[in-house]
PDB file of N, CA and C in Angstrom:
ATOM      1  N   MET A   1      87.020  86.108  83.375  1.00  0.00           N
ATOM      2  CA  MET A   1      87.907  85.199  82.684  1.00  0.00           C
ATOM      3  C   MET A   1      87.076  84.082  82.074  1.00  0.00           C
ATOM      4  N   LYS A   2      87.250  83.862  80.800  1.00  0.00           N
ATOM      5  CA  LYS A   2      86.477  82.812  80.146  1.00  0.00           C
ATOM      6  C   LYS A   2      87.068  81.450  80.465  1.00  0.00           C
ATOM      7  N   MET A   3      86.248  80.438  80.404  1.00  0.00           N
ATOM      8  CA  MET A   3      86.686  79.088  80.721  1.00  0.00           C
ATOM      9  C   MET A   3      86.735  78.254  79.454  1.00  0.00           C
ATOM     10  N   ARG A   4      87.783  77.522  79.299  1.00  0.00           N
ATOM     11  CA  ARG A   4      87.903  76.572  78.200  1.00  0.00           C
ATOM     12  C   ARG A   4      87.085  75.338  78.569  1.00  0.00           C
ATOM     13  N   PRO A   5      86.513  74.647  77.596  1.00  0.00           N
ATOM     14  CA  PRO A   5      85.713  73.455  77.888  1.00  0.00           C
ATOM     15  C   PRO A   5      86.526  72.408  78.647  1.00  0.00           C
ATOM     16  N   GLY A   6      85.911  71.843  79.667  1.00  0.00           N
ATOM     17  CA  GLY A   6      86.537  70.749  80.399  1.00  0.00           C
ATOM     18  C   GLY A   6      87.575  71.175  81.422  1.00  0.00           C
ATOM     19  N   THR A   7      87.649  72.471  81.748  1.00  0.00           N
ATOM     20  CA  THR A   7      88.631  72.898  82.730  1.00  0.00           C
ATOM     21  C   THR A   7      87.946  73.559  83.913  1.00  0.00           C
ATOM     22  N   ARG A   8      88.507  73.340  85.093  1.00  0.00           N
ATOM     23  CA  ARG A   8      88.013  73.984  86.310  1.00  0.00           C
ATOM     24  C   ARG A   8      89.238  74.378  87.127  1.00  0.00           C
ATOM     25  N   PRO A   9      89.858  75.509  86.808  1.00  0.00           N
ATOM     26  CA  PRO A   9      91.080  75.865  87.516  1.00  0.00           C
ATOM     27  C   PRO A   9      90.817  76.252  88.968  1.00  0.00           C
ATOM     28  N   ALA A  10      91.814  76.020  89.807  1.00  0.00           N
ATOM     29  CA  ALA A  10      91.737  76.439  91.199  1.00  0.00           C
ATOM     30  C   ALA A  10      91.855  77.960  91.251  1.00  0.00           C
ATOM     31  N   LYS A  11      91.458  78.528  92.368  1.00  0.00           N
ATOM     32  CA  LYS A  11      91.492  79.985  92.493  1.00  0.00           C
ATOM     33  C   LYS A  11      92.900  80.541  92.314  1.00  0.00           C
ATOM     34  N   ARG A  12      93.894  79.907  92.916  1.00  0.00           N
ATOM     35  CA  ARG A  12      95.265  80.414  92.803  1.00  0.00           C
ATOM     36  C   ARG A  12      95.734  80.405  91.363  1.00  0.00           C
ATOM     37  N   SER A  13      95.521  79.316  90.647  1.00  0.00           N
ATOM     38  CA  SER A  13      95.981  79.258  89.261  1.00  0.00           C
ATOM     39  C   SER A  13      95.247  80.287  88.402  1.00  0.00           C
ATOM     40  N   THR A  14      93.996  80.551  88.713  1.00  0.00           N
ATOM     41  CA  THR A  14      93.237  81.568  87.978  1.00  0.00           C
ATOM     42  C   THR A  14      93.812  82.954  88.239  1.00  0.00           C
ATOM     43  N   ARG A  15      94.086  83.243  89.499  1.00  0.00           N
ATOM     44  CA  ARG A  15      94.649  84.562  89.849  1.00  0.00           C
ATOM     45  C   ARG A  15      96.032  84.752  89.241  1.00  0.00           C
ATOM     46  N   VAL A  16      96.863  83.726  89.314  1.00  0.00           N
ATOM     47  CA  VAL A  16      98.208  83.810  88.747  1.00  0.00           C
ATOM     48  C   VAL A  16      98.123  83.974  87.232  1.00  0.00           C
ATOM     49  N   GLY A  17      97.209  83.257  86.594  1.00  0.00           N
ATOM     50  CA  GLY A  17      97.036  83.383  85.148  1.00  0.00           C
ATOM     51  C   GLY A  17      96.636  84.784  84.736  1.00  0.00           C
ATOM     52  N   GLU A  18      95.726  85.391  85.480  1.00  0.00           N
ATOM     53  CA  GLU A  18      95.293  86.756  85.166  1.00  0.00           C
ATOM     54  C   GLU A  18      96.432  87.751  85.384  1.00  0.00           C
ATOM     55  N   LEU A  19      97.168  87.588  86.462  1.00  0.00           N
ATOM     56  CA  LEU A  19      98.305  88.467  86.727  1.00  0.00           C
ATOM     57  C   LEU A  19      99.377  88.305  85.648  1.00  0.00           C
ATOM     58  N   LEU A  20      99.636  87.071  85.269  1.00  0.00           N
ATOM     59  CA  LEU A  20     100.622  86.802  84.224  1.00  0.00           C
ATOM     60  C   LEU A  20     100.168  87.378  82.883  1.00  0.00           C
ATOM     61  N   ARG A  21      98.872  87.350  82.603  1.00  0.00           N
ATOM     62  CA  ARG A  21      98.348  87.949  81.369  1.00  0.00           C
ATOM     63  C   ARG A  21      98.639  89.446  81.342  1.00  0.00           C
ATOM     64  N   GLU A  22      98.402  90.114  82.457  1.00  0.00           N
ATOM     65  CA  GLU A  22      98.667  91.554  82.537  1.00  0.00           C
ATOM     66  C   GLU A  22     100.153  91.853  82.352  1.00  0.00           C
ATOM     67  N   ILE A  23     101.004  91.060  82.986  1.00  0.00           N
ATOM     68  CA  ILE A  23     102.450  91.268  82.884  1.00  0.00           C
ATOM     69  C   ILE A  23     102.923  91.028  81.456  1.00  0.00           C
ATOM     70  N   LEU A  24     102.481  89.930  80.842  1.00  0.00           N
ATOM     71  CA  LEU A  24     102.886  89.634  79.467  1.00  0.00           C
ATOM     72  C   LEU A  24     102.406  90.709  78.497  1.00  0.00           C
ATOM     73  N   ALA A  25     101.192  91.198  78.690  1.00  0.00           N
ATOM     74  CA  ALA A  25     100.670  92.253  77.816  1.00  0.00           C
ATOM     75  C   ALA A  25     101.537  93.504  77.920  1.00  0.00           C
ATOM     76  N   ALA A  26     101.930  93.866  79.131  1.00  0.00           N
ATOM     77  CA  ALA A  26     102.785  95.042  79.323  1.00  0.00           C
ATOM     78  C   ALA A  26     104.159  94.828  78.701  1.00  0.00           C
ATOM     79  N   ILE A  27     104.701  93.627  78.845  1.00  0.00           N
ATOM     80  CA  ILE A  27     106.004  93.326  78.253  1.00  0.00           C
ATOM     81  C   ILE A  27     105.936  93.460  76.737  1.00  0.00           C
ATOM     82  N   MET A  28     104.896  92.900  76.133  1.00  0.00           N
ATOM     83  CA  MET A  28     104.763  92.962  74.667  1.00  0.00           C
ATOM     84  C   MET A  28     104.638  94.405  74.177  1.00  0.00           C
ATOM     85  N   LEU A  29     103.897  95.211  74.899  1.00  0.00           N
ATOM     86  CA  LEU A  29     103.667  96.594  74.465  1.00  0.00           C
ATOM     87  C   LEU A  29     104.841  97.522  74.746  1.00  0.00           C
ATOM     88  N   GLU A  30     105.473  97.354  75.903  1.00  0.00           N
ATOM     89  CA  GLU A  30     106.416  98.362  76.367  1.00  0.00           C
ATOM     90  C   GLU A  30     107.883  97.965  76.316  1.00  0.00           C
ATOM     91  N   ARG A  31     108.184  96.673  76.397  1.00  0.00           N
ATOM     92  CA  ARG A  31     109.589  96.293  76.577  1.00  0.00           C
ATOM     93  C   ARG A  31     110.194  95.512  75.419  1.00  0.00           C
ATOM     94  N   VAL A  32     109.390  94.801  74.648  1.00  0.00           N
ATOM     95  CA  VAL A  32     109.927  93.998  73.550  1.00  0.00           C
ATOM     96  C   VAL A  32     110.255  94.922  72.381  1.00  0.00           C
ATOM     97  N   ALA A  33     111.448  94.768  71.835  1.00  0.00           N
ATOM     98  CA  ALA A  33     111.897  95.655  70.759  1.00  0.00           C
ATOM     99  C   ALA A  33     111.295  95.289  69.400  1.00  0.00           C
ATOM    100  N   ASP A  34     110.924  94.038  69.208  1.00  0.00           N
ATOM    101  CA  ASP A  34     110.406  93.588  67.910  1.00  0.00           C
ATOM    102  C   ASP A  34     109.003  94.150  67.679  1.00  0.00           C
ATOM    103  N   PRO A  35     108.817  95.001  66.669  1.00  0.00           N
ATOM    104  CA  PRO A  35     107.501  95.604  66.434  1.00  0.00           C
ATOM    105  C   PRO A  35     106.416  94.590  66.057  1.00  0.00           C
ATOM    106  N   ARG A  36     106.819  93.429  65.546  1.00  0.00           N
ATOM    107  CA  ARG A  36     105.820  92.408  65.195  1.00  0.00           C
ATOM    108  C   ARG A  36     105.076  91.924  66.432  1.00  0.00           C
ATOM    109  N   LEU A  37     105.764  91.877  67.560  1.00  0.00           N
ATOM    110  CA  LEU A  37     105.140  91.383  68.788  1.00  0.00           C
ATOM    111  C   LEU A  37     104.207  92.405  69.407  1.00  0.00           C
ATOM    112  N   GLN A  38     104.313  93.646  68.991  1.00  0.00           N
ATOM    113  CA  GLN A  38     103.386  94.658  69.478  1.00  0.00           C
ATOM    114  C   GLN A  38     102.023  94.519  68.804  1.00  0.00           C
ATOM    115  N   GLU A  39     101.947  93.677  67.769  1.00  0.00           N
ATOM    116  CA  GLU A  39     100.676  93.393  67.102  1.00  0.00           C
ATOM    117  C   GLU A  39      99.864  92.335  67.844  1.00  0.00           C
ATOM    118  N   LEU A  40     100.480  91.691  68.836  1.00  0.00           N
ATOM    119  CA  LEU A  40      99.802  90.645  69.606  1.00  0.00           C
ATOM    120  C   LEU A  40      98.969  91.251  70.725  1.00  0.00           C
ATOM    121  N   THR A  41      97.844  90.624  70.982  1.00  0.00           N
ATOM    122  CA  THR A  41      97.051  90.933  72.164  1.00  0.00           C
ATOM    123  C   THR A  41      96.948  89.651  72.976  1.00  0.00           C
ATOM    124  N   ILE A  42      97.447  89.687  74.188  1.00  0.00           N
ATOM    125  CA  ILE A  42      97.360  88.520  75.066  1.00  0.00           C
ATOM    126  C   ILE A  42      95.938  88.492  75.613  1.00  0.00           C
ATOM    127  N   THR A  43      95.180  87.460  75.244  1.00  0.00           N
ATOM    128  CA  THR A  43      93.771  87.400  75.625  1.00  0.00           C
ATOM    129  C   THR A  43      93.531  86.605  76.905  1.00  0.00           C
ATOM    130  N   GLU A  44      94.359  85.602  77.141  1.00  0.00           N
ATOM    131  CA  GLU A  44      94.167  84.773  78.336  1.00  0.00           C
ATOM    132  C   GLU A  44      95.433  83.988  78.618  1.00  0.00           C
ATOM    133  N   VAL A  45      95.692  83.742  79.888  1.00  0.00           N
ATOM    134  CA  VAL A  45      96.757  82.831  80.301  1.00  0.00           C
ATOM    135  C   VAL A  45      96.110  81.796  81.199  1.00  0.00           C
ATOM    136  N   GLU A  46      96.210  80.562  80.788  1.00  0.00           N
ATOM    137  CA  GLU A  46      95.621  79.443  81.527  1.00  0.00           C
ATOM    138  C   GLU A  46      96.759  78.681  82.198  1.00  0.00           C
ATOM    139  N   MET A  47      96.773  78.670  83.509  1.00  0.00           N
ATOM    140  CA  MET A  47      97.837  78.015  84.267  1.00  0.00           C
ATOM    141  C   MET A  47      97.432  76.599  84.655  1.00  0.00           C
ATOM    142  N   SER A  48      98.412  75.698  84.667  1.00  0.00           N
ATOM    143  CA  SER A  48      98.153  74.365  85.206  1.00  0.00           C
ATOM    144  C   SER A  48      98.025  74.494  86.722  1.00  0.00           C
ATOM    145  N   LEU A  49      97.439  73.497  87.355  1.00  0.00           N
ATOM    146  CA  LEU A  49      97.224  73.559  88.806  1.00  0.00           C
ATOM    147  C   LEU A  49      98.535  73.652  89.587  1.00  0.00           C
ATOM    148  N   ASP A  50      99.613  73.046  89.050  1.00  0.00           N
ATOM    149  CA  ASP A  50     100.911  73.121  89.732  1.00  0.00           C
ATOM    150  C   ASP A  50     101.718  74.356  89.324  1.00  0.00           C
ATOM    151  N   LEU A  51     101.144  75.208  88.470  1.00  0.00           N
ATOM    152  CA  LEU A  51     101.737  76.472  88.018  1.00  0.00           C
ATOM    153  C   LEU A  51     103.029  76.287  87.223  1.00  0.00           C
ATOM    154  N   LYS A  52     103.232  75.102  86.665  1.00  0.00           N
ATOM    155  CA  LYS A  52     104.446  74.850  85.888  1.00  0.00           C
ATOM    156  C   LYS A  52     104.240  75.027  84.388  1.00  0.00           C
ATOM    157  N   LEU A  53     102.993  75.133  83.962  1.00  0.00           N
ATOM    158  CA  LEU A  53     102.685  75.300  82.545  1.00  0.00           C
ATOM    159  C   LEU A  53     101.733  76.470  82.378  1.00  0.00           C
ATOM    160  N   ALA A  54     102.056  77.343  81.424  1.00  0.00           N
ATOM    161  CA  ALA A  54     101.202  78.493  81.125  1.00  0.00           C
ATOM    162  C   ALA A  54     100.827  78.449  79.647  1.00  0.00           C
ATOM    163  N   LYS A  55      99.539  78.248  79.375  1.00  0.00           N
ATOM    164  CA  LYS A  55      99.043  78.334  78.003  1.00  0.00           C
ATOM    165  C   LYS A  55      98.664  79.791  77.772  1.00  0.00           C
ATOM    166  N   VAL A  56      99.393  80.442  76.877  1.00  0.00           N
ATOM    167  CA  VAL A  56      99.199  81.868  76.617  1.00  0.00           C
ATOM    168  C   VAL A  56      98.440  82.003  75.302  1.00  0.00           C
ATOM    169  N   TYR A  57      97.191  82.450  75.386  1.00  0.00           N
ATOM    170  CA  TYR A  57      96.364  82.637  74.197  1.00  0.00           C
ATOM    171  C   TYR A  57      96.507  84.073  73.720  1.00  0.00           C
ATOM    172  N   TYR A  58      96.696  84.222  72.413  1.00  0.00           N
ATOM    173  CA  TYR A  58      96.881  85.556  71.850  1.00  0.00           C
ATOM    174  C   TYR A  58      96.033  85.736  70.599  1.00  0.00           C
ATOM    175  N   ALA A  59      95.706  86.986  70.328  1.00  0.00           N
ATOM    176  CA  ALA A  59      95.007  87.361  69.098  1.00  0.00           C
ATOM    177  C   ALA A  59      95.931  88.292  68.324  1.00  0.00           C
ATOM    178  N   VAL A  60      95.810  88.253  66.997  1.00  0.00           N
ATOM    179  CA  VAL A  60      96.637  89.115  66.150  1.00  0.00           C
ATOM    180  C   VAL A  60      95.747  89.991  65.282  1.00  0.00           C
ATOM    181  N   ARG A  61      96.315  91.073  64.831  1.00  0.00           N
ATOM    182  CA  ARG A  61      95.578  91.965  63.943  1.00  0.00           C
ATOM    183  C   ARG A  61      95.401  91.311  62.587  1.00  0.00           C
ATOM    184  N   GLN A  62      94.368  91.759  61.885  1.00  0.00           N
ATOM    185  CA  GLN A  62      94.125  91.278  60.524  1.00  0.00           C
ATOM    186  C   GLN A  62      95.351  91.585  59.672  1.00  0.00           C
ATOM    187  N   GLY A  63      95.718  90.659  58.817  1.00  0.00           N
ATOM    188  CA  GLY A  63      96.826  90.864  57.896  1.00  0.00           C
ATOM    189  C   GLY A  63      98.190  90.501  58.459  1.00  0.00           C
ATOM    190  N   SER A  64      98.260  90.129  59.730  1.00  0.00           N
ATOM    191  CA  SER A  64      99.539  89.731  60.314  1.00  0.00           C
ATOM    192  C   SER A  64      99.883  88.322  59.862  1.00  0.00           C
ATOM    193  N   ASN A  65     101.162  88.074  59.696  1.00  0.00           N
ATOM    194  CA  ASN A  65     101.639  86.763  59.272  1.00  0.00           C
ATOM    195  C   ASN A  65     101.866  85.893  60.513  1.00  0.00           C
ATOM    196  N   PRO A  66     101.048  84.852  60.721  1.00  0.00           N
ATOM    197  CA  PRO A  66     101.168  84.021  61.933  1.00  0.00           C
ATOM    198  C   PRO A  66     102.525  83.331  62.072  1.00  0.00           C
ATOM    199  N   GLU A  67     103.106  82.898  60.950  1.00  0.00           N
ATOM    200  CA  GLU A  67     104.403  82.219  61.019  1.00  0.00           C
ATOM    201  C   GLU A  67     105.493  83.180  61.490  1.00  0.00           C
ATOM    202  N   GLU A  68     105.468  84.410  60.975  1.00  0.00           N
ATOM    203  CA  GLU A  68     106.449  85.413  61.398  1.00  0.00           C
ATOM    204  C   GLU A  68     106.307  85.726  62.880  1.00  0.00           C
ATOM    205  N   LEU A  69     105.061  85.819  63.340  1.00  0.00           N
ATOM    206  CA  LEU A  69     104.827  86.113  64.752  1.00  0.00           C
ATOM    207  C   LEU A  69     105.341  84.993  65.647  1.00  0.00           C
ATOM    208  N   MET A  70     105.143  83.747  65.232  1.00  0.00           N
ATOM    209  CA  MET A  70     105.637  82.622  66.033  1.00  0.00           C
ATOM    210  C   MET A  70     107.163  82.622  66.080  1.00  0.00           C
ATOM    211  N   MET A  71     107.808  82.941  64.943  1.00  0.00           N
ATOM    212  CA  MET A  71     109.272  83.024  64.927  1.00  0.00           C
ATOM    213  C   MET A  71     109.746  84.149  65.853  1.00  0.00           C
ATOM    214  N   ALA A  72     109.051  85.287  65.824  1.00  0.00           N
ATOM    215  CA  ALA A  72     109.411  86.408  66.692  1.00  0.00           C
ATOM    216  C   ALA A  72     109.214  86.036  68.164  1.00  0.00           C
ATOM    217  N   LEU A  73     108.139  85.313  68.472  1.00  0.00           N
ATOM    218  CA  LEU A  73     107.901  84.861  69.850  1.00  0.00           C
ATOM    219  C   LEU A  73     109.003  83.913  70.311  1.00  0.00           C
ATOM    220  N   ASP A  74     109.369  82.960  69.455  1.00  0.00           N
ATOM    221  CA  ASP A  74     110.437  82.020  69.803  1.00  0.00           C
ATOM    222  C   ASP A  74     111.744  82.759  70.076  1.00  0.00           C
ATOM    223  N   LYS A  75     112.027  83.759  69.236  1.00  0.00           N
ATOM    224  CA  LYS A  75     113.263  84.525  69.372  1.00  0.00           C
ATOM    225  C   LYS A  75     113.270  85.350  70.661  1.00  0.00           C
ATOM    226  N   ALA A  76     112.124  85.882  71.048  1.00  0.00           N
ATOM    227  CA  ALA A  76     112.034  86.762  72.218  1.00  0.00           C
ATOM    228  C   ALA A  76     111.718  86.016  73.512  1.00  0.00           C
ATOM    229  N   LEU A  77     111.532  84.700  73.458  1.00  0.00           N
ATOM    230  CA  LEU A  77     111.082  83.952  74.630  1.00  0.00           C
ATOM    231  C   LEU A  77     112.019  84.109  75.826  1.00  0.00           C
ATOM    232  N   GLY A  78     113.318  84.059  75.600  1.00  0.00           N
ATOM    233  CA  GLY A  78     114.274  84.226  76.695  1.00  0.00           C
ATOM    234  C   GLY A  78     114.125  85.578  77.376  1.00  0.00           C
ATOM    235  N   PHE A  79     113.995  86.624  76.564  1.00  0.00           N
ATOM    236  CA  PHE A  79     113.810  87.972  77.106  1.00  0.00           C
ATOM    237  C   PHE A  79     112.493  88.071  77.867  1.00  0.00           C
ATOM    238  N   ILE A  80     111.433  87.484  77.306  1.00  0.00           N
ATOM    239  CA  ILE A  80     110.116  87.521  77.955  1.00  0.00           C
ATOM    240  C   ILE A  80     110.181  86.836  79.321  1.00  0.00           C
ATOM    241  N   LYS A  81     110.816  85.666  79.388  1.00  0.00           N
ATOM    242  CA  LYS A  81     110.951  84.954  80.666  1.00  0.00           C
ATOM    243  C   LYS A  81     111.758  85.773  81.674  1.00  0.00           C
ATOM    244  N   GLN A  82     112.811  86.424  81.187  1.00  0.00           N
ATOM    245  CA  GLN A  82     113.635  87.259  82.057  1.00  0.00           C
ATOM    246  C   GLN A  82     112.807  88.403  82.643  1.00  0.00           C
ATOM    247  N   GLU A  83     111.987  89.015  81.816  1.00  0.00           N
ATOM    248  CA  GLU A  83     111.153  90.124  82.281  1.00  0.00           C
ATOM    249  C   GLU A  83     110.067  89.644  83.252  1.00  0.00           C
ATOM    250  N   VAL A  84     109.500  88.470  82.994  1.00  0.00           N
ATOM    251  CA  VAL A  84     108.506  87.907  83.920  1.00  0.00           C
ATOM    252  C   VAL A  84     109.173  87.597  85.264  1.00  0.00           C
ATOM    253  N   ALA A  85     110.400  87.062  85.220  1.00  0.00           N
ATOM    254  CA  ALA A  85     111.119  86.729  86.455  1.00  0.00           C
ATOM    255  C   ALA A  85     111.371  87.972  87.304  1.00  0.00           C
ATOM    256  N   ARG A  86     111.564  89.123  86.676  1.00  0.00           N
ATOM    257  CA  ARG A  86     111.797  90.368  87.426  1.00  0.00           C
ATOM    258  C   ARG A  86     110.587  90.772  88.267  1.00  0.00           C
ATOM    259  N   GLU A  87     109.421  90.284  87.895  1.00  0.00           N
ATOM    260  CA  GLU A  87     108.198  90.644  88.617  1.00  0.00           C
ATOM    261  C   GLU A  87     108.029  89.857  89.914  1.00  0.00           C
ATOM    262  N   HIS A  88     108.800  88.777  90.091  1.00  0.00           N
ATOM    263  CA  HIS A  88     108.793  87.972  91.322  1.00  0.00           C
ATOM    264  C   HIS A  88     107.400  87.489  91.716  1.00  0.00           C
ATOM    265  N   ILE A  89     106.643  86.966  90.764  1.00  0.00           N
ATOM    266  CA  ILE A  89     105.315  86.459  91.123  1.00  0.00           C
ATOM    267  C   ILE A  89     105.317  84.957  91.379  1.00  0.00           C
ATOM    268  N   LEU A  90     106.328  84.247  90.865  1.00  0.00           N
ATOM    269  CA  LEU A  90     106.403  82.795  91.038  1.00  0.00           C
ATOM    270  C   LEU A  90     107.817  82.385  91.432  1.00  0.00           C
ATOM    271  N   ARG A  91     107.925  81.304  92.190  1.00  0.00           N
ATOM    272  CA  ARG A  91     109.245  80.777  92.541  1.00  0.00           C
ATOM    273  C   ARG A  91     109.938  80.179  91.331  1.00  0.00           C
ATOM    274  N   THR A  92     109.183  79.447  90.539  1.00  0.00           N
ATOM    275  CA  THR A  92     109.762  78.822  89.347  1.00  0.00           C
ATOM    276  C   THR A  92     109.077  79.379  88.106  1.00  0.00           C
ATOM    277  N   MET A  93     109.823  79.433  87.037  1.00  0.00           N
ATOM    278  CA  MET A  93     109.292  79.957  85.783  1.00  0.00           C
ATOM    279  C   MET A  93     108.473  78.866  85.090  1.00  0.00           C
ATOM    280  N   PRO A  94     107.229  79.171  84.752  1.00  0.00           N
ATOM    281  CA  PRO A  94     106.432  78.167  84.039  1.00  0.00           C
ATOM    282  C   PRO A  94     106.918  78.008  82.600  1.00  0.00           C
ATOM    283  N   GLU A  95     106.596  76.884  82.033  1.00  0.00           N
ATOM    284  CA  GLU A  95     106.863  76.660  80.610  1.00  0.00           C
ATOM    285  C   GLU A  95     105.734  77.337  79.835  1.00  0.00           C
ATOM    286  N   PHE A  96     106.100  78.190  78.884  1.00  0.00           N
ATOM    287  CA  PHE A  96     105.108  78.928  78.116  1.00  0.00           C
ATOM    288  C   PHE A  96     104.767  78.195  76.824  1.00  0.00           C
ATOM    289  N   HIS A  97     103.478  78.073  76.557  1.00  0.00           N
ATOM    290  CA  HIS A  97     102.982  77.573  75.274  1.00  0.00           C
ATOM    291  C   HIS A  97     102.102  78.670  74.696  1.00  0.00           C
ATOM    292  N   PHE A  98     102.550  79.266  73.592  1.00  0.00           N
ATOM    293  CA  PHE A  98     101.779  80.327  72.952  1.00  0.00           C
ATOM    294  C   PHE A  98     100.835  79.708  71.932  1.00  0.00           C
ATOM    295  N   LEU A  99      99.547  80.022  72.070  1.00  0.00           N
ATOM    296  CA  LEU A  99      98.517  79.447  71.205  1.00  0.00           C
ATOM    297  C   LEU A  99      97.618  80.555  70.672  1.00  0.00           C
ATOM    298  N   PRO A 100      97.263  80.486  69.389  1.00  0.00           N
ATOM    299  CA  PRO A 100      96.343  81.506  68.859  1.00  0.00           C
ATOM    300  C   PRO A 100      94.961  81.345  69.476  1.00  0.00           C
ATOM    301  N   ASP A 101      94.367  82.453  69.855  1.00  0.00           N
ATOM    302  CA  ASP A 101      93.016  82.446  70.415  1.00  0.00           C
ATOM    303  C   ASP A 101      92.037  82.523  69.255  1.00  0.00           C
ATOM    304  N   GLU A 102      91.295  81.468  69.056  1.00  0.00           N
ATOM    305  CA  GLU A 102      90.373  81.389  67.924  1.00  0.00           C
ATOM    306  C   GLU A 102      88.955  81.798  68.308  1.00  0.00           C
ATOM    307  N   THR A 103      88.779  82.301  69.509  1.00  0.00           N
ATOM    308  CA  THR A 103      87.452  82.687  69.982  1.00  0.00           C
ATOM    309  C   THR A 103      86.830  83.759  69.100  1.00  0.00           C
ATOM    310  N   LEU A 104      87.622  84.778  68.736  1.00  0.00           N
ATOM    311  CA  LEU A 104      87.091  85.863  67.906  1.00  0.00           C
ATOM    312  C   LEU A 104      86.700  85.364  66.518  1.00  0.00           C
ATOM    313  N   ASP A 105      87.525  84.484  65.943  1.00  0.00           N
ATOM    314  CA  ASP A 105      87.203  83.920  64.627  1.00  0.00           C
ATOM    315  C   ASP A 105      85.911  83.114  64.682  1.00  0.00           C
ATOM    316  N   LYS A 106      85.772  82.312  65.732  1.00  0.00           N
ATOM    317  CA  LYS A 106      84.560  81.501  65.873  1.00  0.00           C
ATOM    318  C   LYS A 106      83.332  82.385  66.058  1.00  0.00           C
ATOM    319  N   ALA A 107      83.461  83.441  66.841  1.00  0.00           N
ATOM    320  CA  ALA A 107      82.337  84.356  67.059  1.00  0.00           C
ATOM    321  C   ALA A 107      81.952  85.059  65.758  1.00  0.00           C
ATOM    322  N   GLU A 108      82.955  85.442  64.975  1.00  0.00           N
ATOM    323  CA  GLU A 108      82.681  86.109  63.701  1.00  0.00           C
ATOM    324  C   GLU A 108      81.963  85.165  62.742  1.00  0.00           C
ATOM    325  N   ARG A 109      82.415  83.908  62.678  1.00  0.00           N
ATOM    326  CA  ARG A 109      81.751  82.925  61.809  1.00  0.00           C
ATOM    327  C   ARG A 109      80.321  82.672  62.256  1.00  0.00           C
ATOM    328  N   LEU A 110      80.109  82.591  63.551  1.00  0.00           N
ATOM    329  CA  LEU A 110      78.766  82.382  64.082  1.00  0.00           C
ATOM    330  C   LEU A 110      77.868  83.567  63.748  1.00  0.00           C
ATOM    331  N   GLU A 111      78.406  84.768  63.869  1.00  0.00           N
ATOM    332  CA  GLU A 111      77.636  85.965  63.543  1.00  0.00           C
ATOM    333  C   GLU A 111      77.250  85.983  62.063  1.00  0.00           C
ATOM    334  N   LEU A 112      78.178  85.610  61.184  1.00  0.00           N
ATOM    335  CA  LEU A 112      77.875  85.550  59.751  1.00  0.00           C
ATOM    336  C   LEU A 112      76.807  84.503  59.460  1.00  0.00           C
ATOM    337  N   LEU A 113      76.898  83.368  60.130  1.00  0.00           N
ATOM    338  CA  LEU A 113      75.913  82.308  59.947  1.00  0.00           C
ATOM    339  C   LEU A 113      74.532  82.770  60.396  1.00  0.00           C
ATOM    340  N   LEU A 114      74.455  83.395  61.553  1.00  0.00           N
ATOM    341  CA  LEU A 114      73.171  83.903  62.043  1.00  0.00           C
ATOM    342  C   LEU A 114      72.613  84.981  61.117  1.00  0.00           C
ATOM    343  N   GLU A 115      73.490  85.811  60.598  1.00  0.00           N
ATOM    344  CA  GLU A 115      73.061  86.859  59.671  1.00  0.00           C
ATOM    345  C   GLU A 115      72.489  86.252  58.391  1.00  0.00           C
ATOM    346  N   SER A 116      73.146  85.212  57.864  1.00  0.00           N
ATOM    347  CA  SER A 116      72.645  84.576  56.641  1.00  0.00           C
ATOM    348  C   SER A 116      71.315  83.865  56.901  1.00  0.00           C
ATOM    349  N   LEU A 117      71.150  83.272  58.086  1.00  0.00           N
ATOM    350  CA  LEU A 117      69.871  82.649  58.429  1.00  0.00           C
ATOM    351  C   LEU A 117      68.770  83.697  58.530  1.00  0.00           C
ATOM    352  N   HIS A 118      69.094  84.827  59.113  1.00  0.00           N
ATOM    353  CA  HIS A 118      68.123  85.912  59.256  1.00  0.00           C
ATOM    354  C   HIS A 118      67.698  86.429  57.879  1.00  0.00           C
ATOM    355  N   LYS A 119      68.649  86.581  56.970  1.00  0.00           N
ATOM    356  CA  LYS A 119      68.328  87.047  55.614  1.00  0.00           C
ATOM    357  C   LYS A 119      67.467  86.023  54.882  1.00  0.00           C
ATOM    358  N   GLY A 120      67.742  84.741  55.110  1.00  0.00           N
ATOM    359  CA  GLY A 120      66.952  83.688  54.479  1.00  0.00           C
ATOM    360  C   GLY A 120      65.511  83.700  54.945  1.00  0.00           C
ATOM    361  N   LYS A 121      65.283  83.971  56.216  1.00  0.00           N
ATOM    362  CA  LYS A 121      63.919  84.039  56.748  1.00  0.00           C
ATOM    363  C   LYS A 121      63.190  85.265  56.224  1.00  0.00           C
ATOM    364  N   GLU A 122      63.899  86.369  56.015  1.00  0.00           N
ATOM    365  CA  GLU A 122      63.262  87.574  55.476  1.00  0.00           C
ATOM    366  C   GLU A 122      62.741  87.325  54.060  1.00  0.00           C
ATOM    367  N   LYS A 123      63.484  86.534  53.286  1.00  0.00           N
ATOM    368  CA  LYS A 123      63.074  86.247  51.904  1.00  0.00           C
ATOM    369  C   LYS A 123      61.817  85.386  51.861  1.00  0.00           C
ATOM    370  N   GLU A 124      61.621  84.551  52.883  1.00  0.00           N
ATOM    371  CA  GLU A 124      60.444  83.680  52.921  1.00  0.00           C
ATOM    372  C   GLU A 124      59.165  84.474  53.127  1.00  0.00           C
ATOM    373  N   PHE A 125      59.241  85.604  53.806  1.00  0.00           N
ATOM    374  CA  PHE A 125      58.040  86.393  54.110  1.00  0.00           C
ATOM    375  C   PHE A 125      57.828  87.382  53.067  1.00  0.00           C
TER     376      PHE A 125
END
């Protein structure tokens, strides 16, 4: 599990976050009727120490409309919470905050930058 800068989650919140990530991924793939949500990949769930807040990071396929996906997530949130509640992993339902995972974009930009630097050095020799 990757760590966001400035965070040190407790073991329980880390375990619950990973379990919740697996459950949410299965819900998106198998139970949600909206095909737009099947384009999402749940990359990480970061839980607060009191387990009342879940930051759900997701990645989308190229060409997907982010605004449409957010509207679909808002529309399906009640169903998603209901399905998570059926799993009986927590006494109380956390508040979900869905956030785009920009890690892949940042890695791609870094790779392009390194590639351009490498090409620049080849031209010097």
